[in-house]
Structures are given as structure tokens and as C-alpha cells.
Amino acid sequence: MTMAFAQESWVQIRDEAIPLLEENWKEIGHFEGIPMDVNFPAVEAMDAADALRLYSARSKDDGSLLGYAGFAVSYSIGAKTFREAEELGVYLAKSCRRGRIAMRLIQYAEEELKKDGVYMINYHAPVNNPGFGSLLVKLGYRKAEEIYTRRV
């Protein structure tokens, strides 16, 4: 399958992204029993404040949205000139998970974030998807910390 990658705004991508966001929510696994309920005002505020970056993966055949990579972009609290991007989610439709589409989407997002003045990109690799972490390592990322979660 041939893909086209682009940066899009939340307004451009919102309606098509909802089904993919729902699939991603289910696959992550640690949200079991918690229904997805996107905080649309918060996402729209991030987009309006130029703090949200969304990169799409679309079919070149019909233009349908088949994946995305989303990031919160901000200046570091510890180093005010240090701009970083925190991954909010990366998802590809199951039909697109063979080949190099995920790698190309990550590389595209990295190139665009770098052009945008980002110095550091942070990804979260879910424990139930070890292939994602392995892909990041293959692309030159290093494991910098571990995140622990607990429902309270």
C-alpha cells in the first residue's frame, strides 16, 4: 500500500481520527473499563496554542486516514530554550502494519519536528507492544526511562 504523509491540524483530521483513536485506546490495554472520551476542548486549545503536532498517514489511492502520530510540543521547564515533543499517540490501522509504514511515519514526524525547532522527541512504548520499542531503537532512539502506572 502506498502512503502519503503530511502535517495536519486537529480540525482537518478530527472526524477521521476518532475511529483510529478508539482502536488505539483498546489496544493499549491499561484503559480497560474506562471508556474513551476525548477531551475535545483541551485538544482544540493545544492546537490553537500551536502546541499540537499531528502527522497523518493516508492512502495514496483514496486519501483515507490509516494512521497518525501526535505530539505535544513545548519548551522544557528546566531549560527554557530547549524545545521538546512528547508523543501523545502513534497508531496504524492493522492492515498497514506490514512493511515500513510505521518507520516512515516516525521518520517523517521526526523530520518535521526538527524543522519546527524541536531538539528532543520522547516516545512511550507500551509493554504490550514490544515491537514498537524495538523499532524506535532501530531508528536510533534510546531507552531513557521507564514509566510506571497505577490506577487509584
Protein backbone atom coordinates (compact mmCIF):
# COMPACT_ATOMS: atom_id res chain seq x y z
CA MET A 1 0.00 0.00 0.00
CA THR A 2 1.33 3.43 -0.94
CA MET A 3 1.08 6.14 1.71
CA ALA A 4 1.30 9.91 1.81
CA PHE A 5 2.45 11.63 4.99
CA ALA A 6 1.52 15.17 5.98
CA GLN A 7 1.18 17.50 8.93
CA GLU A 8 -2.47 18.28 9.56
CA SER A 9 -4.40 20.29 12.10
CA TRP A 10 -6.87 18.76 14.55
CA VAL A 11 -9.73 20.38 12.60
CA GLN A 12 -8.56 18.64 9.41
CA ILE A 13 -8.10 15.21 10.96
CA ARG A 14 -10.62 15.05 13.84
CA ASP A 15 -13.59 13.21 12.32
CA GLU A 16 -11.48 10.63 10.53
CA ALA A 17 -9.20 10.14 13.53
CA ILE A 18 -11.91 9.16 16.03
CA PRO A 19 -12.21 5.51 14.89
CA LEU A 20 -8.40 5.15 14.91
CA LEU A 21 -8.18 6.76 18.36
CA GLU A 22 -10.77 4.25 19.61
CA GLU A 23 -8.78 1.30 18.23
CA ASN A 24 -5.58 2.66 19.76
CA TRP A 25 -7.34 3.09 23.13
CA LYS A 26 -8.43 -0.56 23.08
CA GLU A 27 -5.01 -1.86 22.03
CA ILE A 28 -3.05 -0.01 24.70
CA GLY A 29 -4.74 -2.25 27.22
CA HIS A 30 -4.31 -0.41 30.50
CA PHE A 31 -7.52 1.58 29.96
CA GLU A 32 -9.74 -1.48 30.34
CA GLY A 33 -13.10 -0.48 31.81
CA ILE A 34 -12.53 3.21 31.07
CA PRO A 35 -14.48 4.43 28.05
CA MET A 36 -12.66 6.70 25.63
CA ASP A 37 -13.96 10.25 25.96
CA VAL A 38 -11.70 12.65 24.09
CA ASN A 39 -11.27 16.00 25.82
CA PHE A 40 -12.05 17.97 22.66
CA PRO A 41 -11.71 21.43 24.27
CA ALA A 42 -8.21 20.56 25.55
CA VAL A 43 -7.11 19.21 22.15
CA GLU A 44 -8.55 22.26 20.38
CA ALA A 45 -6.81 24.58 22.86
CA MET A 46 -3.47 22.83 22.26
CA ASP A 47 -3.99 23.15 18.51
CA ALA A 48 -4.91 26.85 18.81
CA ALA A 49 -1.85 27.47 21.02
CA ASP A 50 0.41 25.84 18.39
CA ALA A 51 1.34 23.13 20.94
CA LEU A 52 -0.05 20.16 19.00
CA ARG A 53 1.56 18.44 16.04
CA LEU A 54 -0.35 15.78 14.12
CA TYR A 55 1.13 13.79 11.28
CA SER A 56 -1.11 11.67 9.12
CA ALA A 57 -0.57 8.54 7.07
CA ARG A 58 -3.09 8.46 4.24
CA SER A 59 -3.70 6.04 1.42
CA LYS A 60 -2.50 7.50 -1.86
CA ASP A 61 -5.28 5.54 -3.55
CA ASP A 62 -8.31 7.09 -1.84
CA GLY A 63 -6.94 9.58 0.71
CA SER A 64 -8.33 7.69 3.68
CA LEU A 65 -6.66 8.18 7.05
CA LEU A 66 -4.86 4.97 8.05
CA GLY A 67 -2.56 6.22 10.77
CA TYR A 68 -1.28 9.13 12.78
CA ALA A 69 1.46 10.33 15.08
CA GLY A 70 0.55 13.05 17.57
CA PHE A 71 2.83 15.16 19.78
CA ALA A 72 2.60 17.84 22.43
CA VAL A 73 5.32 20.41 21.71
CA SER A 74 6.61 22.66 24.47
CA TYR A 75 9.64 24.32 25.96
CA SER A 76 11.35 22.45 28.77
CA ILE A 77 10.80 23.65 32.30
CA GLY A 78 14.47 23.03 33.10
CA ALA A 79 15.93 24.66 30.00
CA LYS A 80 13.71 27.39 28.58
CA THR A 81 15.29 27.34 25.10
CA PHE A 82 15.02 23.54 24.85
CA ARG A 83 12.00 22.59 22.72
CA GLU A 84 10.76 19.03 23.01
CA ALA A 85 7.96 16.87 21.64
CA GLU A 86 6.13 14.35 23.80
CA GLU A 87 4.37 11.62 21.86
CA LEU A 88 0.65 11.54 22.54
CA GLY A 89 -0.05 8.56 20.33
CA VAL A 90 1.13 6.66 17.27
CA TYR A 91 -1.27 4.36 15.51
CA LEU A 92 -1.54 2.49 12.23
CA ALA A 93 -4.54 0.52 11.05
CA LYS A 94 -3.88 -3.21 11.33
CA SER A 95 -3.91 -3.53 7.53
CA CYS A 96 -0.87 -1.21 7.39
CA ARG A 97 1.41 -2.86 9.91
CA ARG A 98 3.49 -4.87 7.48
CA GLY A 99 6.43 -3.33 5.73
CA ARG A 100 7.96 0.00 6.59
CA ILE A 101 4.97 2.32 7.00
CA ALA A 102 5.43 2.80 10.77
CA MET A 103 9.12 3.50 10.29
CA ARG A 104 8.40 6.01 7.53
CA LEU A 105 5.72 7.77 9.60
CA ILE A 106 8.10 8.10 12.57
CA GLN A 107 10.89 9.37 10.30
CA TYR A 108 8.53 11.86 8.64
CA ALA A 109 7.34 13.17 12.02
CA GLU A 110 10.95 13.47 13.23
CA GLU A 111 12.00 15.45 10.15
CA GLU A 112 9.05 17.82 10.50
CA LEU A 113 9.53 18.29 14.25
CA LYS A 114 13.21 19.03 13.68
CA LYS A 115 12.30 21.68 11.08
CA ASP A 116 9.95 23.11 13.71
CA GLY A 117 12.83 23.62 16.15
CA VAL A 118 12.30 20.54 18.31
CA TYR A 119 15.50 19.29 19.93
CA MET A 120 14.24 16.13 21.68
CA ILE A 121 11.42 13.68 20.89
CA ASN A 122 10.08 11.39 23.60
CA TYR A 123 8.08 8.26 22.77
CA HIS A 124 6.19 5.88 25.04
CA ALA A 125 6.43 2.20 24.07
CA PRO A 126 3.59 0.17 25.62
CA VAL A 127 4.71 -3.06 27.25
CA ASN A 128 2.09 -4.96 25.27
CA ASN A 129 3.72 -3.79 22.03
CA PRO A 130 7.45 -4.58 22.36
CA GLY A 131 7.87 -4.27 18.60
CA PHE A 132 7.33 -0.53 18.83
CA GLY A 133 10.22 -0.08 21.27
CA SER A 134 12.42 -2.26 19.07
CA LEU A 135 11.55 -0.13 16.06
CA LEU A 136 12.45 3.03 17.95
CA VAL A 137 15.83 1.55 18.92
CA LYS A 138 16.42 0.56 15.29
CA LEU A 139 15.75 4.20 14.35
CA GLY A 140 18.35 5.47 16.82
CA TYR A 141 16.25 6.18 19.89
CA ARG A 142 17.48 5.03 23.29
CA LYS A 143 15.61 3.87 26.34
CA ALA A 144 15.85 6.83 28.71
CA GLU A 145 13.42 5.91 31.49
CA GLU A 146 10.57 3.63 32.41
CA ILE A 147 7.06 4.75 33.22
CA TYR A 148 5.04 3.05 35.93
CA THR A 149 1.28 3.42 36.23
CA ARG A 150 -1.29 2.52 38.82
CA ARG A 151 -4.99 3.13 39.00
CA VAL A 152 -6.03 4.85 42.21
